[in-house]
Amino acid sequence: MLTLLFTSFTVSGSNLGFLVDAPIANMDSTDTALMAKAIQRSLTENKDNEPEKWENQDSGNKGTLTPLKTYDAYNSRCRKLKIHSEAGGETAVSEFDFCLTESGEWKILK
């Protein structure tokens, strides 16, 4: 049943499509790789309300990721993550729920 609750999204630079119509449309592969690493760090290492910042010095694109809440659901550790991103003159703030799978990957909750 767990597999029905998660999308196939795994945190990586090439899988940030859930942020459609956001500043990510103005990000290059270096930006998305930096953002994905920061998402992974914030979900794995940061305490609730402890921000994780990333910035590409070359493009000027940047963001802040803040875990807002840690909770258990579906026999898994889950976290609500606030994503603030700035790229190409656009800014967006979104919140998503991620859960840790048995294989150790963070996946976005549907």
PDB file of N, CA and C in Angstrom:
ATOM      1  N   MET A   1       0.817  -1.191   0.000  1.00  0.00           N
ATOM      2  CA  MET A   1       0.000   0.000   0.000  1.00  0.00           C
ATOM      3  C   MET A   1       0.866   1.263   0.000  1.00  0.00           C
ATOM      4  N   LEU A   2       2.044   1.197   0.575  1.00  0.00           N
ATOM      5  CA  LEU A   2       2.922   2.356   0.649  1.00  0.00           C
ATOM      6  C   LEU A   2       3.244   2.906  -0.728  1.00  0.00           C
ATOM      7  N   THR A   3       3.458   2.047  -1.694  1.00  0.00           N
ATOM      8  CA  THR A   3       3.828   2.514  -3.023  1.00  0.00           C
ATOM      9  C   THR A   3       2.723   3.333  -3.674  1.00  0.00           C
ATOM     10  N   LEU A   4       1.490   3.128  -3.301  1.00  0.00           N
ATOM     11  CA  LEU A   4       0.389   3.900  -3.863  1.00  0.00           C
ATOM     12  C   LEU A   4       0.337   5.317  -3.302  1.00  0.00           C
ATOM     13  N   LEU A   5       0.982   5.544  -2.194  1.00  0.00           N
ATOM     14  CA  LEU A   5       0.910   6.836  -1.536  1.00  0.00           C
ATOM     15  C   LEU A   5       1.996   7.803  -1.989  1.00  0.00           C
ATOM     16  N   PHE A   6       3.013   7.302  -2.668  1.00  0.00           N
ATOM     17  CA  PHE A   6       4.130   8.134  -3.071  1.00  0.00           C
ATOM     18  C   PHE A   6       4.195   8.234  -4.582  1.00  0.00           C
ATOM     19  N   THR A   7       4.649   9.369  -5.059  1.00  0.00           N
ATOM     20  CA  THR A   7       4.937   9.475  -6.482  1.00  0.00           C
ATOM     21  C   THR A   7       6.281   8.828  -6.724  1.00  0.00           C
ATOM     22  N   SER A   8       6.694   8.761  -7.954  1.00  0.00           N
ATOM     23  CA  SER A   8       7.990   8.164  -8.255  1.00  0.00           C
ATOM     24  C   SER A   8       9.120   9.175  -8.091  1.00  0.00           C
ATOM     25  N   PHE A   9       8.828  10.354  -7.623  1.00  0.00           N
ATOM     26  CA  PHE A   9       9.840  11.392  -7.461  1.00  0.00           C
ATOM     27  C   PHE A   9      10.833  11.027  -6.374  1.00  0.00           C
ATOM     28  N   THR A  10      12.078  11.063  -6.725  1.00  0.00           N
ATOM     29  CA  THR A  10      13.188  10.916  -5.796  1.00  0.00           C
ATOM     30  C   THR A  10      14.011  12.184  -5.899  1.00  0.00           C
ATOM     31  N   VAL A  11      14.520  12.664  -4.794  1.00  0.00           N
ATOM     32  CA  VAL A  11      15.263  13.921  -4.807  1.00  0.00           C
ATOM     33  C   VAL A  11      16.540  13.761  -5.627  1.00  0.00           C
ATOM     34  N   SER A  12      16.577  14.414  -6.784  1.00  0.00           N
ATOM     35  CA  SER A  12      17.774  14.496  -7.617  1.00  0.00           C
ATOM     36  C   SER A  12      17.633  15.706  -8.519  1.00  0.00           C
ATOM     37  N   GLY A  13      18.719  16.123  -9.103  1.00  0.00           N
ATOM     38  CA  GLY A  13      18.700  17.320  -9.935  1.00  0.00           C
ATOM     39  C   GLY A  13      17.791  17.218 -11.135  1.00  0.00           C
ATOM     40  N   SER A  14      17.583  16.024 -11.666  1.00  0.00           N
ATOM     41  CA  SER A  14      16.774  15.877 -12.864  1.00  0.00           C
ATOM     42  C   SER A  14      15.301  15.648 -12.567  1.00  0.00           C
ATOM     43  N   ASN A  15      14.933  15.515 -11.297  1.00  0.00           N
ATOM     44  CA  ASN A  15      13.554  15.198 -10.953  1.00  0.00           C
ATOM     45  C   ASN A  15      12.867  16.301 -10.160  1.00  0.00           C
ATOM     46  N   LEU A  16      13.067  17.526 -10.544  1.00  0.00           N
ATOM     47  CA  LEU A  16      12.425  18.626  -9.826  1.00  0.00           C
ATOM     48  C   LEU A  16      11.211  19.139 -10.595  1.00  0.00           C
ATOM     49  N   GLY A  17      10.617  18.298 -11.424  1.00  0.00           N
ATOM     50  CA  GLY A  17       9.477  18.673 -12.242  1.00  0.00           C
ATOM     51  C   GLY A  17       8.229  19.015 -11.456  1.00  0.00           C
ATOM     52  N   PHE A  18       8.161  18.630 -10.191  1.00  0.00           N
ATOM     53  CA  PHE A  18       7.004  18.965  -9.376  1.00  0.00           C
ATOM     54  C   PHE A  18       6.928  20.466  -9.108  1.00  0.00           C
ATOM     55  N   LEU A  19       7.972  21.197  -9.462  1.00  0.00           N
ATOM     56  CA  LEU A  19       7.983  22.648  -9.282  1.00  0.00           C
ATOM     57  C   LEU A  19       7.661  23.369 -10.599  1.00  0.00           C
ATOM     58  N   VAL A  20       6.775  22.778 -11.405  1.00  0.00           N
ATOM     59  CA  VAL A  20       6.412  23.349 -12.698  1.00  0.00           C
ATOM     60  C   VAL A  20       5.848  24.758 -12.500  1.00  0.00           C
ATOM     61  N   ASP A  21       6.052  25.606 -13.488  1.00  0.00           N
ATOM     62  CA  ASP A  21       5.576  26.992 -13.445  1.00  0.00           C
ATOM     63  C   ASP A  21       6.168  27.763 -12.274  1.00  0.00           C
ATOM     64  N   ALA A  22       7.398  27.491 -11.963  1.00  0.00           N
ATOM     65  CA  ALA A  22       8.097  28.150 -10.872  1.00  0.00           C
ATOM     66  C   ALA A  22       9.428  28.657 -11.418  1.00  0.00           C
ATOM     67  N   PRO A  23      10.193  29.333 -10.598  1.00  0.00           N
ATOM     68  CA  PRO A  23      11.502  29.810 -11.045  1.00  0.00           C
ATOM     69  C   PRO A  23      12.392  28.711 -11.627  1.00  0.00           C
ATOM     70  N   ILE A  24      12.073  27.455 -11.333  1.00  0.00           N
ATOM     71  CA  ILE A  24      12.905  26.367 -11.860  1.00  0.00           C
ATOM     72  C   ILE A  24      12.967  26.394 -13.381  1.00  0.00           C
ATOM     73  N   ALA A  25      11.981  26.972 -14.017  1.00  0.00           N
ATOM     74  CA  ALA A  25      11.999  27.076 -15.482  1.00  0.00           C
ATOM     75  C   ALA A  25      13.190  27.916 -15.951  1.00  0.00           C
ATOM     76  N   ASN A  26      13.725  28.743 -15.071  1.00  0.00           N
ATOM     77  CA  ASN A  26      14.869  29.600 -15.388  1.00  0.00           C
ATOM     78  C   ASN A  26      16.181  29.064 -14.840  1.00  0.00           C
ATOM     79  N   MET A  27      16.182  27.827 -14.344  1.00  0.00           N
ATOM     80  CA  MET A  27      17.383  27.248 -13.755  1.00  0.00           C
ATOM     81  C   MET A  27      18.086  26.325 -14.739  1.00  0.00           C
ATOM     82  N   ASP A  28      19.415  26.305 -14.638  1.00  0.00           N
ATOM     83  CA  ASP A  28      20.184  25.373 -15.459  1.00  0.00           C
ATOM     84  C   ASP A  28      20.480  24.112 -14.644  1.00  0.00           C
ATOM     85  N   SER A  29      21.212  23.179 -15.235  1.00  0.00           N
ATOM     86  CA  SER A  29      21.463  21.901 -14.568  1.00  0.00           C
ATOM     87  C   SER A  29      22.291  22.067 -13.294  1.00  0.00           C
ATOM     88  N   THR A  30      23.158  23.059 -13.252  1.00  0.00           N
ATOM     89  CA  THR A  30      23.928  23.310 -12.028  1.00  0.00           C
ATOM     90  C   THR A  30      23.006  23.787 -10.917  1.00  0.00           C
ATOM     91  N   ASP A  31      22.079  24.687 -11.258  1.00  0.00           N
ATOM     92  CA  ASP A  31      21.106  25.177 -10.272  1.00  0.00           C
ATOM     93  C   ASP A  31      20.287  24.023  -9.698  1.00  0.00           C
ATOM     94  N   THR A  32      19.743  23.184 -10.583  1.00  0.00           N
ATOM     95  CA  THR A  32      18.872  22.105 -10.103  1.00  0.00           C
ATOM     96  C   THR A  32      19.653  21.076  -9.294  1.00  0.00           C
ATOM     97  N   ALA A  33      20.918  20.841  -9.651  1.00  0.00           N
ATOM     98  CA  ALA A  33      21.735  19.914  -8.866  1.00  0.00           C
ATOM     99  C   ALA A  33      22.004  20.482  -7.472  1.00  0.00           C
ATOM    100  N   LEU A  34      22.308  21.771  -7.398  1.00  0.00           N
ATOM    101  CA  LEU A  34      22.528  22.416  -6.096  1.00  0.00           C
ATOM    102  C   LEU A  34      21.253  22.378  -5.257  1.00  0.00           C
ATOM    103  N   MET A  35      20.122  22.651  -5.890  1.00  0.00           N
ATOM    104  CA  MET A  35      18.843  22.641  -5.183  1.00  0.00           C
ATOM    105  C   MET A  35      18.514  21.233  -4.678  1.00  0.00           C
ATOM    106  N   ALA A  36      18.718  20.230  -5.516  1.00  0.00           N
ATOM    107  CA  ALA A  36      18.422  18.848  -5.113  1.00  0.00           C
ATOM    108  C   ALA A  36      19.286  18.411  -3.933  1.00  0.00           C
ATOM    109  N   LYS A  37      20.562  18.765  -3.954  1.00  0.00           N
ATOM    110  CA  LYS A  37      21.448  18.426  -2.836  1.00  0.00           C
ATOM    111  C   LYS A  37      20.995  19.125  -1.558  1.00  0.00           C
ATOM    112  N   ALA A  38      20.565  20.373  -1.701  1.00  0.00           N
ATOM    113  CA  ALA A  38      20.087  21.125  -0.532  1.00  0.00           C
ATOM    114  C   ALA A  38      18.784  20.541   0.000  1.00  0.00           C
ATOM    115  N   ILE A  39      17.910  20.082  -0.888  1.00  0.00           N
ATOM    116  CA  ILE A  39      16.670  19.429  -0.449  1.00  0.00           C
ATOM    117  C   ILE A  39      17.021  18.184   0.351  1.00  0.00           C
ATOM    118  N   GLN A  40      17.907  17.376  -0.182  1.00  0.00           N
ATOM    119  CA  GLN A  40      18.328  16.143   0.498  1.00  0.00           C
ATOM    120  C   GLN A  40      18.918  16.457   1.873  1.00  0.00           C
ATOM    121  N   ARG A  41      19.820  17.444   1.932  1.00  0.00           N
ATOM    122  CA  ARG A  41      20.432  17.821   3.217  1.00  0.00           C
ATOM    123  C   ARG A  41      19.378  18.312   4.205  1.00  0.00           C
ATOM    124  N   SER A  42      18.480  19.176   3.737  1.00  0.00           N
ATOM    125  CA  SER A  42      17.501  19.748   4.663  1.00  0.00           C
ATOM    126  C   SER A  42      16.573  18.681   5.220  1.00  0.00           C
ATOM    127  N   LEU A  43      16.164  17.727   4.377  1.00  0.00           N
ATOM    128  CA  LEU A  43      15.272  16.671   4.847  1.00  0.00           C
ATOM    129  C   LEU A  43      15.992  15.701   5.778  1.00  0.00           C
ATOM    130  N   THR A  44      17.249  15.427   5.506  1.00  0.00           N
ATOM    131  CA  THR A  44      18.000  14.425   6.253  1.00  0.00           C
ATOM    132  C   THR A  44      18.652  14.980   7.512  1.00  0.00           C
ATOM    133  N   GLU A  45      19.180  16.201   7.439  1.00  0.00           N
ATOM    134  CA  GLU A  45      20.020  16.710   8.521  1.00  0.00           C
ATOM    135  C   GLU A  45      19.431  17.854   9.341  1.00  0.00           C
ATOM    136  N   ASN A  46      18.589  18.681   8.761  1.00  0.00           N
ATOM    137  CA  ASN A  46      18.141  19.879   9.460  1.00  0.00           C
ATOM    138  C   ASN A  46      16.999  19.592  10.431  1.00  0.00           C
ATOM    139  N   LYS A  47      16.997  20.350  11.520  1.00  0.00           N
ATOM    140  CA  LYS A  47      15.896  20.293  12.473  1.00  0.00           C
ATOM    141  C   LYS A  47      14.723  21.072  11.896  1.00  0.00           C
ATOM    142  N   ASP A  48      13.544  20.877  12.457  1.00  0.00           N
ATOM    143  CA  ASP A  48      12.387  21.664  12.042  1.00  0.00           C
ATOM    144  C   ASP A  48      12.694  23.149  12.211  1.00  0.00           C
ATOM    145  N   ASN A  49      12.302  23.934  11.232  1.00  0.00           N
ATOM    146  CA  ASN A  49      12.486  25.384  11.194  1.00  0.00           C
ATOM    147  C   ASN A  49      13.941  25.826  11.070  1.00  0.00           C
ATOM    148  N   GLU A  50      14.827  24.906  10.700  1.00  0.00           N
ATOM    149  CA  GLU A  50      16.237  25.244  10.453  1.00  0.00           C
ATOM    150  C   GLU A  50      16.449  25.328   8.933  1.00  0.00           C
ATOM    151  N   PRO A  51      16.651  26.536   8.402  1.00  0.00           N
ATOM    152  CA  PRO A  51      16.756  26.694   6.948  1.00  0.00           C
ATOM    153  C   PRO A  51      18.070  26.166   6.374  1.00  0.00           C
ATOM    154  N   GLU A  52      17.988  25.722   5.149  1.00  0.00           N
ATOM    155  CA  GLU A  52      19.145  25.271   4.368  1.00  0.00           C
ATOM    156  C   GLU A  52      19.169  26.137   3.110  1.00  0.00           C
ATOM    157  N   LYS A  53      20.237  26.873   2.910  1.00  0.00           N
ATOM    158  CA  LYS A  53      20.330  27.772   1.760  1.00  0.00           C
ATOM    159  C   LYS A  53      21.215  27.170   0.681  1.00  0.00           C
ATOM    160  N   TRP A  54      20.902  27.501  -0.561  1.00  0.00           N
ATOM    161  CA  TRP A  54      21.763  27.140  -1.679  1.00  0.00           C
ATOM    162  C   TRP A  54      21.838  28.341  -2.612  1.00  0.00           C
ATOM    163  N   GLU A  55      22.947  28.455  -3.335  1.00  0.00           N
ATOM    164  CA  GLU A  55      23.098  29.542  -4.303  1.00  0.00           C
ATOM    165  C   GLU A  55      24.122  29.145  -5.353  1.00  0.00           C
ATOM    166  N   ASN A  56      23.798  29.435  -6.588  1.00  0.00           N
ATOM    167  CA  ASN A  56      24.744  29.258  -7.687  1.00  0.00           C
ATOM    168  C   ASN A  56      25.390  30.612  -7.926  1.00  0.00           C
ATOM    169  N   GLN A  57      26.663  30.744  -7.578  1.00  0.00           N
ATOM    170  CA  GLN A  57      27.373  32.019  -7.720  1.00  0.00           C
ATOM    171  C   GLN A  57      27.432  32.480  -9.174  1.00  0.00           C
ATOM    172  N   ASP A  58      27.442  31.537 -10.116  1.00  0.00           N
ATOM    173  CA  ASP A  58      27.535  31.898 -11.533  1.00  0.00           C
ATOM    174  C   ASP A  58      26.234  32.487 -12.074  1.00  0.00           C
ATOM    175  N   SER A  59      25.102  31.874 -11.740  1.00  0.00           N
ATOM    176  CA  SER A  59      23.813  32.336 -12.275  1.00  0.00           C
ATOM    177  C   SER A  59      23.115  33.337 -11.363  1.00  0.00           C
ATOM    178  N   GLY A  60      23.457  33.324 -10.083  1.00  0.00           N
ATOM    179  CA  GLY A  60      22.765  34.175  -9.120  1.00  0.00           C
ATOM    180  C   GLY A  60      21.468  33.564  -8.619  1.00  0.00           C
ATOM    181  N   ASN A  61      21.075  32.410  -9.151  1.00  0.00           N
ATOM    182  CA  ASN A  61      19.860  31.743  -8.695  1.00  0.00           C
ATOM    183  C   ASN A  61      20.103  31.133  -7.330  1.00  0.00           C
ATOM    184  N   LYS A  62      19.053  31.131  -6.504  1.00  0.00           N
ATOM    185  CA  LYS A  62      19.231  30.696  -5.117  1.00  0.00           C
ATOM    186  C   LYS A  62      17.915  30.271  -4.508  1.00  0.00           C
ATOM    187  N   GLY A  63      18.006  29.730  -3.306  1.00  0.00           N
ATOM    188  CA  GLY A  63      16.797  29.328  -2.608  1.00  0.00           C
ATOM    189  C   GLY A  63      17.077  28.985  -1.162  1.00  0.00           C
ATOM    190  N   THR A  64      15.980  28.812  -0.438  1.00  0.00           N
ATOM    191  CA  THR A  64      16.026  28.415   0.963  1.00  0.00           C
ATOM    192  C   THR A  64      15.015  27.301   1.160  1.00  0.00           C
ATOM    193  N   LEU A  65      15.445  26.248   1.827  1.00  0.00           N
ATOM    194  CA  LEU A  65      14.595  25.091   2.105  1.00  0.00           C
ATOM    195  C   LEU A  65      14.471  24.958   3.608  1.00  0.00           C
ATOM    196  N   THR A  66      13.238  24.900   4.091  1.00  0.00           N
ATOM    197  CA  THR A  66      13.028  24.851   5.528  1.00  0.00           C
ATOM    198  C   THR A  66      12.075  23.724   5.888  1.00  0.00           C
ATOM    199  N   PRO A  67      12.571  22.696   6.587  1.00  0.00           N
ATOM    200  CA  PRO A  67      11.652  21.680   7.097  1.00  0.00           C
ATOM    201  C   PRO A  67      10.760  22.323   8.164  1.00  0.00           C
ATOM    202  N   LEU A  68       9.459  22.219   7.972  1.00  0.00           N
ATOM    203  CA  LEU A  68       8.526  22.858   8.900  1.00  0.00           C
ATOM    204  C   LEU A  68       8.034  21.920   9.991  1.00  0.00           C
ATOM    205  N   LYS A  69       7.950  20.634   9.638  1.00  0.00           N
ATOM    206  CA  LYS A  69       7.367  19.675  10.574  1.00  0.00           C
ATOM    207  C   LYS A  69       7.880  18.285  10.236  1.00  0.00           C
ATOM    208  N   THR A  70       8.154  17.502  11.272  1.00  0.00           N
ATOM    209  CA  THR A  70       8.525  16.107  11.120  1.00  0.00           C
ATOM    210  C   THR A  70       7.425  15.273  11.753  1.00  0.00           C
ATOM    211  N   TYR A  71       6.976  14.234  11.056  1.00  0.00           N
ATOM    212  CA  TYR A  71       5.886  13.409  11.567  1.00  0.00           C
ATOM    213  C   TYR A  71       5.985  11.999  10.996  1.00  0.00           C
ATOM    214  N   ASP A  72       5.239  11.081  11.586  1.00  0.00           N
ATOM    215  CA  ASP A  72       5.175   9.708  11.099  1.00  0.00           C
ATOM    216  C   ASP A  72       3.867   9.510  10.356  1.00  0.00           C
ATOM    217  N   ALA A  73       3.960   8.879   9.191  1.00  0.00           N
ATOM    218  CA  ALA A  73       2.780   8.523   8.401  1.00  0.00           C
ATOM    219  C   ALA A  73       3.111   7.289   7.585  1.00  0.00           C
ATOM    220  N   TYR A  74       2.162   6.380   7.493  1.00  0.00           N
ATOM    221  CA  TYR A  74       2.334   5.194   6.661  1.00  0.00           C
ATOM    222  C   TYR A  74       3.603   4.420   7.036  1.00  0.00           C
ATOM    223  N   ASN A  75       3.884   4.339   8.337  1.00  0.00           N
ATOM    224  CA  ASN A  75       5.076   3.641   8.847  1.00  0.00           C
ATOM    225  C   ASN A  75       6.363   4.230   8.294  1.00  0.00           C
ATOM    226  N   SER A  76       6.394   5.522   8.099  1.00  0.00           N
ATOM    227  CA  SER A  76       7.561   6.194   7.536  1.00  0.00           C
ATOM    228  C   SER A  76       7.773   7.536   8.227  1.00  0.00           C
ATOM    229  N   ARG A  77       9.021   7.991   8.221  1.00  0.00           N
ATOM    230  CA  ARG A  77       9.341   9.340   8.710  1.00  0.00           C
ATOM    231  C   ARG A  77       9.040  10.314   7.575  1.00  0.00           C
ATOM    232  N   CYS A  78       8.255  11.340   7.873  1.00  0.00           N
ATOM    233  CA  CYS A  78       7.863  12.315   6.857  1.00  0.00           C
ATOM    234  C   CYS A  78       8.186  13.722   7.334  1.00  0.00           C
ATOM    235  N   ARG A  79       8.327  14.620   6.352  1.00  0.00           N
ATOM    236  CA  ARG A  79       8.624  16.013   6.677  1.00  0.00           C
ATOM    237  C   ARG A  79       7.906  16.932   5.704  1.00  0.00           C
ATOM    238  N   LYS A  80       7.364  17.996   6.245  1.00  0.00           N
ATOM    239  CA  LYS A  80       6.804  19.069   5.416  1.00  0.00           C
ATOM    240  C   LYS A  80       7.944  20.040   5.146  1.00  0.00           C
ATOM    241  N   LEU A  81       8.171  20.352   3.856  1.00  0.00           N
ATOM    242  CA  LEU A  81       9.288  21.198   3.462  1.00  0.00           C
ATOM    243  C   LEU A  81       8.785  22.441   2.737  1.00  0.00           C
ATOM    244  N   LYS A  82       9.223  23.596   3.212  1.00  0.00           N
ATOM    245  CA  LYS A  82       8.937  24.867   2.555  1.00  0.00           C
ATOM    246  C   LYS A  82      10.090  25.159   1.600  1.00  0.00           C
ATOM    247  N   ILE A  83       9.754  25.388   0.330  1.00  0.00           N
ATOM    248  CA  ILE A  83      10.758  25.648  -0.697  1.00  0.00           C
ATOM    249  C   ILE A  83      10.582  27.070  -1.210  1.00  0.00           C
ATOM    250  N   HIS A  84      11.592  27.899  -0.993  1.00  0.00           N
ATOM    251  CA  HIS A  84      11.610  29.276  -1.491  1.00  0.00           C
ATOM    252  C   HIS A  84      12.701  29.323  -2.548  1.00  0.00           C
ATOM    253  N   SER A  85      12.339  29.679  -3.781  1.00  0.00           N
ATOM    254  CA  SER A  85      13.347  29.710  -4.843  1.00  0.00           C
ATOM    255  C   SER A  85      13.259  31.019  -5.623  1.00  0.00           C
ATOM    256  N   GLU A  86      14.425  31.460  -6.084  1.00  0.00           N
ATOM    257  CA  GLU A  86      14.555  32.684  -6.868  1.00  0.00           C
ATOM    258  C   GLU A  86      15.435  32.398  -8.075  1.00  0.00           C
ATOM    259  N   ALA A  87      14.893  32.662  -9.278  1.00  0.00           N
ATOM    260  CA  ALA A  87      15.662  32.451 -10.502  1.00  0.00           C
ATOM    261  C   ALA A  87      15.050  33.275 -11.634  1.00  0.00           C
ATOM    262  N   GLY A  88      15.907  33.872 -12.420  1.00  0.00           N
ATOM    263  CA  GLY A  88      15.448  34.615 -13.583  1.00  0.00           C
ATOM    264  C   GLY A  88      14.472  35.725 -13.260  1.00  0.00           C
ATOM    265  N   GLY A  89      14.614  36.341 -12.091  1.00  0.00           N
ATOM    266  CA  GLY A  89      13.723  37.423 -11.701  1.00  0.00           C
ATOM    267  C   GLY A  89      12.384  36.974 -11.148  1.00  0.00           C
ATOM    268  N   GLU A  90      12.182  35.676 -11.009  1.00  0.00           N
ATOM    269  CA  GLU A  90      10.936  35.145 -10.454  1.00  0.00           C
ATOM    270  C   GLU A  90      11.198  34.533  -9.085  1.00  0.00           C
ATOM    271  N   THR A  91      10.196  34.615  -8.224  1.00  0.00           N
ATOM    272  CA  THR A  91      10.277  34.067  -6.876  1.00  0.00           C
ATOM    273  C   THR A  91       9.041  33.218  -6.622  1.00  0.00           C
ATOM    274  N   ALA A  92       9.226  32.107  -5.942  1.00  0.00           N
ATOM    275  CA  ALA A  92       8.095  31.251  -5.582  1.00  0.00           C
ATOM    276  C   ALA A  92       8.336  30.623  -4.224  1.00  0.00           C
ATOM    277  N   VAL A  93       7.240  30.388  -3.511  1.00  0.00           N
ATOM    278  CA  VAL A  93       7.284  29.685  -2.236  1.00  0.00           C
ATOM    279  C   VAL A  93       6.223  28.589  -2.289  1.00  0.00           C
ATOM    280  N   SER A  94       6.649  27.366  -1.987  1.00  0.00           N
ATOM    281  CA  SER A  94       5.747  26.218  -2.013  1.00  0.00           C
ATOM    282  C   SER A  94       6.023  25.346  -0.803  1.00  0.00           C
ATOM    283  N   GLU A  95       5.057  24.495  -0.472  1.00  0.00           N
ATOM    284  CA  GLU A  95       5.242  23.516   0.601  1.00  0.00           C
ATOM    285  C   GLU A  95       4.875  22.145   0.071  1.00  0.00           C
ATOM    286  N   PHE A  96       5.717  21.157   0.394  1.00  0.00           N
ATOM    287  CA  PHE A  96       5.500  19.789  -0.039  1.00  0.00           C
ATOM    288  C   PHE A  96       5.795  18.848   1.120  1.00  0.00           C
ATOM    289  N   ASP A  97       5.125  17.700   1.128  1.00  0.00           N
ATOM    290  CA  ASP A  97       5.391  16.655   2.104  1.00  0.00           C
ATOM    291  C   ASP A  97       6.233  15.570   1.445  1.00  0.00           C
ATOM    292  N   PHE A  98       7.315  15.193   2.113  1.00  0.00           N
ATOM    293  CA  PHE A  98       8.201  14.132   1.658  1.00  0.00           C
ATOM    294  C   PHE A  98       8.238  13.046   2.718  1.00  0.00           C
ATOM    295  N   CYS A  99       8.347  11.792   2.297  1.00  0.00           N
ATOM    296  CA  CYS A  99       8.489  10.684   3.243  1.00  0.00           C
ATOM    297  C   CYS A  99       9.690   9.843   2.848  1.00  0.00           C
ATOM    298  N   LEU A 100      10.343   9.311   3.854  1.00  0.00           N
ATOM    299  CA  LEU A 100      11.528   8.490   3.666  1.00  0.00           C
ATOM    300  C   LEU A 100      11.096   7.049   3.405  1.00  0.00           C
ATOM    301  N   THR A 101      11.540   6.479   2.298  1.00  0.00           N
ATOM    302  CA  THR A 101      11.177   5.110   1.949  1.00  0.00           C
ATOM    303  C   THR A 101      12.104   4.118   2.630  1.00  0.00           C
ATOM    304  N   GLU A 102      11.771   2.845   2.566  1.00  0.00           N
ATOM    305  CA  GLU A 102      12.602   1.799   3.159  1.00  0.00           C
ATOM    306  C   GLU A 102      13.986   1.759   2.525  1.00  0.00           C
ATOM    307  N   SER A 103      14.088   2.199   1.260  1.00  0.00           N
ATOM    308  CA  SER A 103      15.387   2.202   0.576  1.00  0.00           C
ATOM    309  C   SER A 103      16.228   3.428   0.922  1.00  0.00           C
ATOM    310  N   GLY A 104      15.683   4.328   1.754  1.00  0.00           N
ATOM    311  CA  GLY A 104      16.434   5.497   2.182  1.00  0.00           C
ATOM    312  C   GLY A 104      16.293   6.707   1.280  1.00  0.00           C
ATOM    313  N   GLU A 105      15.354   6.670   0.345  1.00  0.00           N
ATOM    314  CA  GLU A 105      15.121   7.803  -0.553  1.00  0.00           C
ATOM    315  C   GLU A 105      13.939   8.631  -0.051  1.00  0.00           C
ATOM    316  N   TRP A 106      14.044   9.940  -0.210  1.00  0.00           N
ATOM    317  CA  TRP A 106      12.942  10.825   0.109  1.00  0.00           C
ATOM    318  C   TRP A 106      12.044  10.923  -1.119  1.00  0.00           C
ATOM    319  N   LYS A 107      10.766  10.689  -0.918  1.00  0.00           N
ATOM    320  CA  LYS A 107       9.809  10.778  -2.029  1.00  0.00           C
ATOM    321  C   LYS A 107       8.687  11.707  -1.625  1.00  0.00           C
ATOM    322  N   ILE A 108       8.174  12.429  -2.610  1.00  0.00           N
ATOM    323  CA  ILE A 108       7.114  13.380  -2.346  1.00  0.00           C
ATOM    324  C   ILE A 108       5.793  12.635  -2.137  1.00  0.00           C
ATOM    325  N   LEU A 109       5.047  13.040  -1.131  1.00  0.00           N
ATOM    326  CA  LEU A 109       3.779  12.417  -0.804  1.00  0.00           C
ATOM    327  C   LEU A 109       2.700  13.005  -1.705  1.00  0.00           C
ATOM    328  N   LYS A 110       1.867  12.163  -2.259  1.00  0.00           N
ATOM    329  CA  LYS A 110       0.775  12.633  -3.128  1.00  0.00           C
ATOM    330  C   LYS A 110      -0.283  13.331  -2.305  1.00  0.00           C
TER     331      LYS A 110
END
